[in-house]
Amino acid sequence: MTVCTYIPASAHCLPVQLQQQLVFIPDRVSPAVQATAALVFQSYAQRTTDKSLSTAFTDLADRLLERALKTAKRSG
């Protein structure tokens, strides 16, 4: 079963088993989500044949990864 819960900086649907654990470490969730999103957008960038769209996806992936690294350093 998955339920929706609010975690600072973004809303996530989490398995019930993880909710209790993540309530105590929300700062560690954001970098993981941002890094995962960066990988998804990089994948989109590599697969699209539209040059401007590919560039936009690559730029977004770079920004997400940079933010994930900064957030992880602050919370670590």
C-alpha atoms as a PDB file:
ATOM      1  CA  MET A   1       0.000   0.000   0.000  1.00  0.00           C
ATOM      2  CA  THR A   2       1.271   3.489  -0.879  1.00  0.00           C
ATOM      3  CA  VAL A   3       0.055   6.626   0.834  1.00  0.00           C
ATOM      4  CA  CYS A   4       0.825  10.250   0.128  1.00  0.00           C
ATOM      5  CA  THR A   5       2.636  12.266   2.734  1.00  0.00           C
ATOM      6  CA  TYR A   6       4.255  15.676   2.753  1.00  0.00           C
ATOM      7  CA  ILE A   7       8.011  15.942   3.113  1.00  0.00           C
ATOM      8  CA  PRO A   8       9.519  19.447   3.215  1.00  0.00           C
ATOM      9  CA  ALA A   9      10.490  20.793  -0.222  1.00  0.00           C
ATOM     10  CA  SER A  10       8.253  18.351  -2.097  1.00  0.00           C
ATOM     11  CA  ALA A  11       5.389  15.910  -1.811  1.00  0.00           C
ATOM     12  CA  HIS A  12       6.020  12.206  -2.303  1.00  0.00           C
ATOM     13  CA  CYS A  13       3.954   9.061  -2.271  1.00  0.00           C
ATOM     14  CA  LEU A  14       5.786   6.618  -0.059  1.00  0.00           C
ATOM     15  CA  PRO A  15       5.294   2.999   0.935  1.00  0.00           C
ATOM     16  CA  VAL A  16       3.905   2.800   4.446  1.00  0.00           C
ATOM     17  CA  GLN A  17       7.030   0.944   5.609  1.00  0.00           C
ATOM     18  CA  LEU A  18       9.236   3.931   4.717  1.00  0.00           C
ATOM     19  CA  GLN A  19       7.060   6.712   6.070  1.00  0.00           C
ATOM     20  CA  GLN A  20       8.141   6.382   9.679  1.00  0.00           C
ATOM     21  CA  GLN A  21      11.836   6.242   8.774  1.00  0.00           C
ATOM     22  CA  LEU A  22      11.748   9.203   6.394  1.00  0.00           C
ATOM     23  CA  VAL A  23       9.876  11.493   8.734  1.00  0.00           C
ATOM     24  CA  PHE A  24      13.119  11.739  10.691  1.00  0.00           C
ATOM     25  CA  ILE A  25      15.437  12.313   7.715  1.00  0.00           C
ATOM     26  CA  PRO A  26      13.561  14.438   5.141  1.00  0.00           C
ATOM     27  CA  ASP A  27      16.749  16.295   4.114  1.00  0.00           C
ATOM     28  CA  ARG A  28      18.185  13.042   2.827  1.00  0.00           C
ATOM     29  CA  VAL A  29      15.141  12.303   0.671  1.00  0.00           C
ATOM     30  CA  SER A  30      15.361  15.437  -1.486  1.00  0.00           C
ATOM     31  CA  PRO A  31      18.873  14.763  -2.869  1.00  0.00           C
ATOM     32  CA  ALA A  32      17.929  11.196  -3.764  1.00  0.00           C
ATOM     33  CA  VAL A  33      14.787  12.326  -5.581  1.00  0.00           C
ATOM     34  CA  GLN A  34      16.673  15.122  -7.350  1.00  0.00           C
ATOM     35  CA  ALA A  35      19.448  12.774  -8.470  1.00  0.00           C
ATOM     36  CA  THR A  36      16.911  10.238  -9.726  1.00  0.00           C
ATOM     37  CA  ALA A  37      15.078  12.943 -11.665  1.00  0.00           C
ATOM     38  CA  ALA A  38      18.396  14.075 -13.142  1.00  0.00           C
ATOM     39  CA  LEU A  39      18.997  10.554 -14.450  1.00  0.00           C
ATOM     40  CA  VAL A  40      15.525  10.456 -15.981  1.00  0.00           C
ATOM     41  CA  PHE A  41      15.979  13.784 -17.761  1.00  0.00           C
ATOM     42  CA  GLN A  42      19.454  12.777 -18.965  1.00  0.00           C
ATOM     43  CA  SER A  43      17.910   9.621 -20.399  1.00  0.00           C
ATOM     44  CA  TYR A  44      15.272  11.730 -22.186  1.00  0.00           C
ATOM     45  CA  ALA A  45      18.022  13.980 -23.538  1.00  0.00           C
ATOM     46  CA  GLN A  46      19.936  11.040 -24.969  1.00  0.00           C
ATOM     47  CA  ARG A  47      16.882   9.479 -26.596  1.00  0.00           C
ATOM     48  CA  THR A  48      15.250  12.472 -28.248  1.00  0.00           C
ATOM     49  CA  THR A  49      16.179  13.496 -31.780  1.00  0.00           C
ATOM     50  CA  ASP A  50      15.031  17.105 -31.274  1.00  0.00           C
ATOM     51  CA  LYS A  51      18.245  19.065 -30.615  1.00  0.00           C
ATOM     52  CA  SER A  52      16.651  21.932 -28.660  1.00  0.00           C
ATOM     53  CA  LEU A  53      14.627  19.544 -26.515  1.00  0.00           C
ATOM     54  CA  SER A  54      17.704  17.420 -25.896  1.00  0.00           C
ATOM     55  CA  THR A  55      19.634  20.503 -24.807  1.00  0.00           C
ATOM     56  CA  ALA A  56      16.830  21.590 -22.485  1.00  0.00           C
ATOM     57  CA  PHE A  57      16.662  18.118 -20.883  1.00  0.00           C
ATOM     58  CA  THR A  58      20.444  18.043 -20.469  1.00  0.00           C
ATOM     59  CA  ASP A  59      20.452  21.477 -18.832  1.00  0.00           C
ATOM     60  CA  LEU A  60      17.672  20.431 -16.477  1.00  0.00           C
ATOM     61  CA  ALA A  61      19.495  17.208 -15.585  1.00  0.00           C
ATOM     62  CA  ASP A  62      22.669  19.181 -14.830  1.00  0.00           C
ATOM     63  CA  ARG A  63      20.814  21.635 -12.593  1.00  0.00           C
ATOM     64  CA  LEU A  64      19.027  18.840 -10.724  1.00  0.00           C
ATOM     65  CA  LEU A  65      22.260  16.962 -10.110  1.00  0.00           C
ATOM     66  CA  GLU A  66      24.034  20.115  -8.960  1.00  0.00           C
ATOM     67  CA  ARG A  67      21.187  20.868  -6.533  1.00  0.00           C
ATOM     68  CA  ALA A  68      21.189  17.270  -5.263  1.00  0.00           C
ATOM     69  CA  LEU A  69      24.899  17.479  -4.491  1.00  0.00           C
ATOM     70  CA  LYS A  70      24.554  20.831  -2.712  1.00  0.00           C
ATOM     71  CA  THR A  71      21.586  19.606  -0.669  1.00  0.00           C
ATOM     72  CA  ALA A  72      23.376  16.384   0.278  1.00  0.00           C
ATOM     73  CA  LYS A  73      26.457  18.300   1.473  1.00  0.00           C
ATOM     74  CA  ARG A  74      24.305  20.537   3.686  1.00  0.00           C
ATOM     75  CA  SER A  75      22.442  17.635   5.283  1.00  0.00           C
ATOM     76  CA  GLY A  76      25.399  15.265   5.545  1.00  0.00           C
END
